[in-house]
Amino acid sequence: VTVDREQLLKHLEPLLLAHAPSGSETEVDQLMEQFIPSALPLKTWQDGADSIVYHFPGRDRDTPAIAVTAHKDEISMIIKCVEDDGRVRVQPIGGLHPWAVGEAPVEILATETVRGVLSVGSKHVSHLSPAGPLKEGTQL
């Protein structure tokens, strides 16, 4: 089988950029509907876990079936508090460990998408250093 790299990237890029926090994968569902041509002879449904299932009939009943699977959702966070200075406090949804991510760009999904930066503060600051109180939120 020959794979057209440009066509593959054309289909993958929107999926990779789609917002799909756990429990809210509608954006990916809509993209998948666009990618699979309606002219193909296949059965399509969503199961009880909201997974999209496409059944492509095989040509030979004696050949074993093949399953291809992928995750729709992405690890995400939920905002628990907005501080007076505009900082937000978040709680992970799924297996995210914010300190493992470090500082990274994030998008807050609301009526409009708001871009921000995830920051957990310096890992190297302790209560013994002059900047220690800053880590605890105390003004110097």
N, C-alpha and C. Protein backbone atom coordinates (compact mmCIF):
# COMPACT_ATOMS: atom_id res chain seq x y z
N VAL A 1 0.85 -1.18 0.00
CA VAL A 1 0.00 0.00 0.00
C VAL A 1 0.89 1.24 0.00
N THR A 2 0.60 2.16 -0.89
CA THR A 2 1.33 3.42 -0.97
C THR A 2 0.54 4.50 -0.24
N VAL A 3 1.23 5.23 0.62
CA VAL A 3 0.58 6.30 1.38
C VAL A 3 1.04 7.64 0.82
N ASP A 4 0.10 8.48 0.46
CA ASP A 4 0.40 9.83 0.00
C ASP A 4 0.61 10.70 1.24
N ARG A 5 1.86 11.07 1.48
CA ARG A 5 2.22 11.82 2.69
C ARG A 5 1.42 13.12 2.82
N GLU A 6 1.28 13.85 1.73
CA GLU A 6 0.55 15.12 1.76
C GLU A 6 -0.92 14.91 2.13
N GLN A 7 -1.55 13.89 1.56
CA GLN A 7 -2.95 13.60 1.88
C GLN A 7 -3.09 13.18 3.34
N LEU A 8 -2.14 12.37 3.82
CA LEU A 8 -2.17 11.92 5.21
C LEU A 8 -2.08 13.12 6.15
N LEU A 9 -1.12 14.01 5.89
CA LEU A 9 -0.96 15.19 6.74
C LEU A 9 -2.18 16.11 6.65
N LYS A 10 -2.77 16.20 5.46
CA LYS A 10 -3.96 17.03 5.28
C LYS A 10 -5.10 16.54 6.18
N HIS A 11 -5.19 15.24 6.37
CA HIS A 11 -6.25 14.67 7.22
C HIS A 11 -5.87 14.67 8.70
N LEU A 12 -4.60 14.42 8.99
CA LEU A 12 -4.17 14.33 10.39
C LEU A 12 -4.09 15.69 11.09
N GLU A 13 -3.63 16.71 10.40
CA GLU A 13 -3.43 18.00 11.06
C GLU A 13 -4.68 18.54 11.75
N PRO A 14 -5.84 18.58 11.08
CA PRO A 14 -7.03 19.07 11.79
C PRO A 14 -7.40 18.21 13.00
N LEU A 15 -7.18 16.90 12.89
CA LEU A 15 -7.49 16.03 14.03
C LEU A 15 -6.56 16.31 15.20
N LEU A 16 -5.28 16.53 14.90
CA LEU A 16 -4.31 16.80 15.96
C LEU A 16 -4.54 18.15 16.62
N LEU A 17 -5.09 19.09 15.87
CA LEU A 17 -5.35 20.43 16.41
C LEU A 17 -6.74 20.57 17.03
N ALA A 18 -7.57 19.56 16.87
CA ALA A 18 -8.94 19.62 17.38
C ALA A 18 -8.95 19.60 18.91
N HIS A 19 -9.90 20.32 19.48
CA HIS A 19 -10.08 20.29 20.93
C HIS A 19 -10.94 19.09 21.28
N ALA A 20 -10.48 18.28 22.21
CA ALA A 20 -11.24 17.09 22.59
C ALA A 20 -10.98 16.71 24.04
N PRO A 21 -11.31 17.60 24.99
CA PRO A 21 -11.16 17.20 26.39
C PRO A 21 -12.06 16.00 26.69
N SER A 22 -11.63 15.17 27.62
CA SER A 22 -12.40 13.96 27.96
C SER A 22 -13.86 14.30 28.21
N GLY A 23 -14.74 13.57 27.53
CA GLY A 23 -16.17 13.78 27.69
C GLY A 23 -16.76 14.81 26.75
N SER A 24 -15.91 15.45 25.94
CA SER A 24 -16.39 16.48 25.02
C SER A 24 -15.61 16.39 23.70
N GLU A 25 -15.80 15.27 23.01
CA GLU A 25 -15.03 15.00 21.79
C GLU A 25 -15.79 15.34 20.50
N THR A 26 -16.81 16.19 20.58
CA THR A 26 -17.66 16.51 19.44
C THR A 26 -16.87 17.03 18.24
N GLU A 27 -15.85 17.85 18.50
CA GLU A 27 -15.07 18.42 17.40
C GLU A 27 -14.39 17.30 16.58
N VAL A 28 -13.87 16.29 17.26
CA VAL A 28 -13.24 15.16 16.56
C VAL A 28 -14.30 14.34 15.83
N ASP A 29 -15.45 14.13 16.46
CA ASP A 29 -16.54 13.39 15.81
C ASP A 29 -16.92 14.05 14.48
N GLN A 30 -17.05 15.37 14.49
CA GLN A 30 -17.44 16.09 13.27
C GLN A 30 -16.37 15.98 12.19
N LEU A 31 -15.10 16.04 12.58
CA LEU A 31 -14.02 15.89 11.60
C LEU A 31 -14.01 14.49 11.00
N MET A 32 -14.24 13.48 11.82
CA MET A 32 -14.25 12.11 11.32
C MET A 32 -15.38 11.92 10.31
N GLU A 33 -16.52 12.53 10.56
CA GLU A 33 -17.64 12.44 9.61
C GLU A 33 -17.25 13.02 8.25
N GLN A 34 -16.44 14.07 8.25
CA GLN A 34 -16.01 14.69 7.00
C GLN A 34 -15.00 13.83 6.25
N PHE A 35 -14.15 13.11 6.99
CA PHE A 35 -13.06 12.35 6.37
C PHE A 35 -13.50 11.06 5.70
N ILE A 36 -14.53 10.43 6.23
CA ILE A 36 -14.97 9.15 5.69
C ILE A 36 -16.02 9.41 4.62
N PRO A 37 -15.71 9.13 3.36
CA PRO A 37 -16.67 9.40 2.28
C PRO A 37 -17.97 8.61 2.47
N SER A 38 -19.08 9.29 2.28
CA SER A 38 -20.39 8.65 2.45
C SER A 38 -20.65 7.59 1.39
N ALA A 39 -19.90 7.62 0.28
CA ALA A 39 -20.09 6.66 -0.80
C ALA A 39 -19.51 5.28 -0.46
N LEU A 40 -18.69 5.20 0.58
CA LEU A 40 -18.09 3.90 0.93
C LEU A 40 -19.16 2.96 1.49
N PRO A 41 -19.07 1.67 1.13
CA PRO A 41 -20.05 0.70 1.63
C PRO A 41 -19.68 0.24 3.04
N LEU A 42 -19.98 1.05 4.03
CA LEU A 42 -19.64 0.67 5.39
C LEU A 42 -20.74 1.04 6.36
N LYS A 43 -20.72 0.34 7.48
CA LYS A 43 -21.66 0.66 8.56
C LYS A 43 -20.93 1.56 9.55
N THR A 44 -21.61 2.57 10.05
CA THR A 44 -21.03 3.51 11.00
C THR A 44 -21.98 3.67 12.18
N TRP A 45 -21.42 3.66 13.39
CA TRP A 45 -22.24 3.91 14.57
C TRP A 45 -21.34 4.37 15.72
N GLN A 46 -21.97 4.91 16.76
CA GLN A 46 -21.26 5.24 18.00
C GLN A 46 -21.78 4.31 19.08
N ASP A 47 -20.84 3.73 19.81
CA ASP A 47 -21.23 2.79 20.86
C ASP A 47 -21.55 3.51 22.17
N GLY A 48 -21.83 2.76 23.21
CA GLY A 48 -22.21 3.32 24.51
C GLY A 48 -21.12 4.16 25.15
N ALA A 49 -19.86 3.93 24.76
CA ALA A 49 -18.74 4.71 25.30
C ALA A 49 -18.42 5.91 24.41
N ASP A 50 -19.30 6.19 23.43
CA ASP A 50 -19.15 7.31 22.51
C ASP A 50 -18.03 7.11 21.50
N SER A 51 -17.55 5.87 21.37
CA SER A 51 -16.54 5.56 20.35
C SER A 51 -17.21 5.51 18.98
N ILE A 52 -16.51 5.98 17.97
CA ILE A 52 -17.03 5.89 16.60
C ILE A 52 -16.54 4.57 16.02
N VAL A 53 -17.44 3.81 15.46
CA VAL A 53 -17.09 2.51 14.87
C VAL A 53 -17.41 2.55 13.38
N TYR A 54 -16.42 2.20 12.58
CA TYR A 54 -16.61 2.06 11.13
C TYR A 54 -16.36 0.60 10.80
N HIS A 55 -17.30 -0.04 10.14
CA HIS A 55 -17.13 -1.43 9.73
C HIS A 55 -16.97 -1.49 8.22
N PHE A 56 -15.75 -1.78 7.79
CA PHE A 56 -15.46 -1.95 6.37
C PHE A 56 -15.56 -3.44 6.06
N PRO A 57 -16.47 -3.85 5.20
CA PRO A 57 -16.58 -5.27 4.88
C PRO A 57 -15.32 -5.76 4.16
N GLY A 58 -14.89 -6.97 4.51
CA GLY A 58 -13.72 -7.56 3.86
C GLY A 58 -14.09 -8.20 2.54
N ARG A 59 -13.06 -8.61 1.79
CA ARG A 59 -13.29 -9.27 0.50
C ARG A 59 -13.30 -10.78 0.64
N ASP A 60 -12.63 -11.27 1.67
CA ASP A 60 -12.46 -12.71 1.82
C ASP A 60 -12.86 -13.11 3.24
N ARG A 61 -13.90 -13.92 3.36
CA ARG A 61 -14.38 -14.33 4.69
C ARG A 61 -13.37 -15.20 5.44
N ASP A 62 -12.43 -15.79 4.73
CA ASP A 62 -11.43 -16.66 5.37
C ASP A 62 -10.25 -15.87 5.94
N THR A 63 -10.17 -14.59 5.62
CA THR A 63 -9.09 -13.75 6.13
C THR A 63 -9.50 -13.18 7.49
N PRO A 64 -8.59 -13.24 8.48
CA PRO A 64 -8.93 -12.69 9.80
C PRO A 64 -9.27 -11.20 9.74
N ALA A 65 -10.16 -10.80 10.61
CA ALA A 65 -10.55 -9.38 10.69
C ALA A 65 -9.40 -8.56 11.26
N ILE A 66 -9.36 -7.30 10.90
CA ILE A 66 -8.35 -6.37 11.41
C ILE A 66 -9.07 -5.21 12.08
N ALA A 67 -8.60 -4.83 13.25
CA ALA A 67 -9.17 -3.68 13.96
C ALA A 67 -8.11 -2.58 14.04
N VAL A 68 -8.51 -1.36 13.75
CA VAL A 68 -7.64 -0.20 13.88
C VAL A 68 -8.33 0.72 14.89
N THR A 69 -7.59 1.12 15.92
CA THR A 69 -8.20 1.94 16.97
C THR A 69 -7.38 3.21 17.21
N ALA A 70 -8.01 4.21 17.77
CA ALA A 70 -7.34 5.45 18.13
C ALA A 70 -8.14 6.14 19.23
N HIS A 71 -7.46 6.96 20.01
CA HIS A 71 -8.11 7.75 21.05
C HIS A 71 -8.67 9.03 20.44
N LYS A 72 -9.86 9.44 20.86
CA LYS A 72 -10.43 10.71 20.41
C LYS A 72 -10.12 11.83 21.38
N ASP A 73 -10.10 11.52 22.67
CA ASP A 73 -9.96 12.59 23.65
C ASP A 73 -8.49 12.92 23.91
N GLU A 74 -8.29 14.01 24.61
CA GLU A 74 -6.95 14.43 24.98
C GLU A 74 -6.92 14.73 26.48
N ILE A 75 -5.75 14.60 27.04
CA ILE A 75 -5.58 14.94 28.45
C ILE A 75 -5.84 16.44 28.59
N SER A 76 -6.58 16.81 29.61
CA SER A 76 -6.96 18.22 29.74
C SER A 76 -7.05 18.62 31.20
N MET A 77 -7.47 19.85 31.42
CA MET A 77 -7.62 20.39 32.77
C MET A 77 -8.94 21.14 32.84
N ILE A 78 -9.44 21.30 34.04
CA ILE A 78 -10.64 22.10 34.26
C ILE A 78 -10.28 23.25 35.20
N ILE A 79 -10.79 24.43 34.90
CA ILE A 79 -10.51 25.60 35.74
C ILE A 79 -11.36 25.51 37.00
N LYS A 80 -10.69 25.59 38.14
CA LYS A 80 -11.37 25.52 39.43
C LYS A 80 -11.51 26.89 40.08
N CYS A 81 -10.63 27.84 39.70
CA CYS A 81 -10.66 29.16 40.35
C CYS A 81 -9.95 30.17 39.45
N VAL A 82 -10.50 31.37 39.36
CA VAL A 82 -9.83 32.48 38.67
C VAL A 82 -9.44 33.49 39.74
N GLU A 83 -8.14 33.73 39.86
CA GLU A 83 -7.63 34.65 40.88
C GLU A 83 -7.90 36.10 40.46
N ASP A 84 -7.83 37.02 41.42
CA ASP A 84 -8.05 38.44 41.14
C ASP A 84 -7.08 38.99 40.10
N ASP A 85 -5.86 38.43 40.06
CA ASP A 85 -4.85 38.93 39.11
C ASP A 85 -4.95 38.25 37.74
N GLY A 86 -5.97 37.41 37.54
CA GLY A 86 -6.18 36.77 36.24
C GLY A 86 -5.62 35.37 36.11
N ARG A 87 -4.78 34.96 37.07
CA ARG A 87 -4.27 33.59 37.01
C ARG A 87 -5.42 32.62 37.27
N VAL A 88 -5.32 31.45 36.67
CA VAL A 88 -6.35 30.43 36.89
C VAL A 88 -5.73 29.24 37.60
N ARG A 89 -6.51 28.63 38.45
CA ARG A 89 -6.12 27.39 39.13
C ARG A 89 -6.84 26.26 38.42
N VAL A 90 -6.10 25.23 38.08
CA VAL A 90 -6.67 24.13 37.30
C VAL A 90 -6.55 22.81 38.03
N GLN A 91 -7.39 21.88 37.62
CA GLN A 91 -7.32 20.51 38.13
C GLN A 91 -7.25 19.59 36.91
N PRO A 92 -6.33 18.63 36.91
CA PRO A 92 -6.21 17.73 35.76
C PRO A 92 -7.45 16.86 35.57
N ILE A 93 -7.75 16.57 34.31
CA ILE A 93 -8.77 15.58 33.95
C ILE A 93 -8.01 14.47 33.26
N GLY A 94 -8.07 13.28 33.78
CA GLY A 94 -7.29 12.18 33.20
C GLY A 94 -5.94 12.10 33.88
N GLY A 95 -4.96 11.59 33.18
CA GLY A 95 -3.65 11.31 33.77
C GLY A 95 -2.63 12.42 33.63
N LEU A 96 -3.06 13.65 33.55
CA LEU A 96 -2.12 14.76 33.38
C LEU A 96 -1.45 15.11 34.70
N HIS A 97 -0.14 15.30 34.64
CA HIS A 97 0.63 15.79 35.78
C HIS A 97 1.25 17.12 35.34
N PRO A 98 0.64 18.26 35.70
CA PRO A 98 1.11 19.56 35.20
C PRO A 98 2.60 19.80 35.43
N TRP A 99 3.15 19.35 36.54
CA TRP A 99 4.56 19.58 36.81
C TRP A 99 5.44 18.82 35.82
N ALA A 100 4.94 17.75 35.20
CA ALA A 100 5.70 17.02 34.19
C ALA A 100 5.69 17.77 32.86
N VAL A 101 4.67 18.59 32.64
CA VAL A 101 4.56 19.35 31.40
C VAL A 101 5.47 20.58 31.45
N GLY A 102 5.61 21.16 32.64
CA GLY A 102 6.39 22.38 32.77
C GLY A 102 5.62 23.56 32.22
N GLU A 103 6.32 24.52 31.68
CA GLU A 103 5.65 25.67 31.08
C GLU A 103 5.30 25.31 29.64
N ALA A 104 4.04 25.48 29.30
CA ALA A 104 3.58 25.09 27.96
C ALA A 104 2.39 25.95 27.57
N PRO A 105 2.21 26.17 26.26
CA PRO A 105 1.02 26.90 25.83
C PRO A 105 -0.24 26.08 26.06
N VAL A 106 -1.32 26.75 26.42
CA VAL A 106 -2.62 26.10 26.62
C VAL A 106 -3.69 26.96 25.96
N GLU A 107 -4.83 26.35 25.72
CA GLU A 107 -5.99 27.09 25.23
C GLU A 107 -7.14 26.85 26.18
N ILE A 108 -7.74 27.93 26.67
CA ILE A 108 -8.89 27.84 27.55
C ILE A 108 -10.13 27.89 26.66
N LEU A 109 -10.94 26.84 26.73
CA LEU A 109 -12.12 26.76 25.88
C LEU A 109 -13.31 27.34 26.62
N ALA A 110 -13.86 28.40 26.09
CA ALA A 110 -15.03 29.06 26.67
C ALA A 110 -15.86 29.57 25.50
N THR A 111 -16.61 30.63 25.69
CA THR A 111 -17.34 31.22 24.58
C THR A 111 -16.37 31.56 23.45
N GLU A 112 -15.20 32.04 23.83
CA GLU A 112 -14.10 32.27 22.90
C GLU A 112 -12.89 31.52 23.45
N THR A 113 -11.98 31.13 22.57
CA THR A 113 -10.76 30.45 23.01
C THR A 113 -9.77 31.50 23.50
N VAL A 114 -9.23 31.27 24.70
CA VAL A 114 -8.26 32.18 25.30
C VAL A 114 -6.93 31.44 25.39
N ARG A 115 -5.88 32.04 24.86
CA ARG A 115 -4.56 31.40 24.92
C ARG A 115 -3.86 31.81 26.21
N GLY A 116 -3.09 30.87 26.76
CA GLY A 116 -2.35 31.14 27.98
C GLY A 116 -1.11 30.28 28.05
N VAL A 117 -0.44 30.32 29.18
CA VAL A 117 0.76 29.52 29.41
C VAL A 117 0.58 28.79 30.73
N LEU A 118 0.76 27.48 30.70
CA LEU A 118 0.72 26.69 31.92
C LEU A 118 2.05 26.86 32.62
N SER A 119 2.02 27.22 33.88
CA SER A 119 3.25 27.37 34.65
C SER A 119 2.99 26.88 36.06
N VAL A 120 3.85 26.03 36.54
CA VAL A 120 3.71 25.52 37.90
C VAL A 120 4.72 26.18 38.83
N GLY A 121 5.43 27.19 38.32
CA GLY A 121 6.43 27.85 39.14
C GLY A 121 7.74 27.08 39.12
N SER A 122 8.75 27.66 39.67
CA SER A 122 10.06 27.04 39.67
C SER A 122 10.10 25.84 40.61
N LYS A 123 10.67 24.75 40.13
CA LYS A 123 10.83 23.56 40.97
C LYS A 123 12.03 23.73 41.90
N HIS A 124 12.89 24.71 41.58
CA HIS A 124 14.14 24.86 42.32
C HIS A 124 14.03 25.83 43.49
N VAL A 125 12.88 26.43 43.68
CA VAL A 125 12.71 27.40 44.75
C VAL A 125 12.17 26.68 45.98
N SER A 126 12.80 26.88 47.10
CA SER A 126 12.30 26.30 48.35
C SER A 126 12.01 27.42 49.33
N HIS A 127 11.44 27.06 50.46
CA HIS A 127 11.14 28.07 51.48
C HIS A 127 12.41 28.71 52.05
N LEU A 128 13.57 28.08 51.82
CA LEU A 128 14.83 28.60 52.34
C LEU A 128 15.44 29.68 51.44
N SER A 129 15.04 29.75 50.17
CA SER A 129 15.63 30.73 49.26
C SER A 129 14.87 32.05 49.38
N PRO A 130 15.51 33.16 48.95
CA PRO A 130 14.82 34.46 49.01
C PRO A 130 13.52 34.49 48.22
N ALA A 131 13.42 33.68 47.16
CA ALA A 131 12.20 33.68 46.34
C ALA A 131 11.17 32.68 46.86
N GLY A 132 11.51 31.97 47.93
CA GLY A 132 10.60 30.96 48.49
C GLY A 132 9.20 31.48 48.77
N PRO A 133 9.06 32.66 49.42
CA PRO A 133 7.71 33.18 49.70
C PRO A 133 6.89 33.43 48.43
N LEU A 134 7.56 33.76 47.31
CA LEU A 134 6.84 33.97 46.05
C LEU A 134 6.15 32.70 45.60
N LYS A 135 6.83 31.57 45.80
CA LYS A 135 6.25 30.29 45.39
C LYS A 135 4.96 30.02 46.17
N GLU A 136 4.89 30.50 47.38
CA GLU A 136 3.71 30.31 48.21
C GLU A 136 2.67 31.40 47.98
N GLY A 137 2.99 32.36 47.09
CA GLY A 137 2.03 33.42 46.77
C GLY A 137 2.16 34.65 47.65
N THR A 138 3.21 34.70 48.49
CA THR A 138 3.42 35.84 49.38
C THR A 138 4.19 36.94 48.64
N GLN A 139 3.74 38.17 48.75
CA GLN A 139 4.45 39.30 48.14
C GLN A 139 5.73 39.57 48.90
N LEU A 140 6.79 39.93 48.18
CA LEU A 140 8.06 40.29 48.83
C LEU A 140 8.08 41.77 49.15
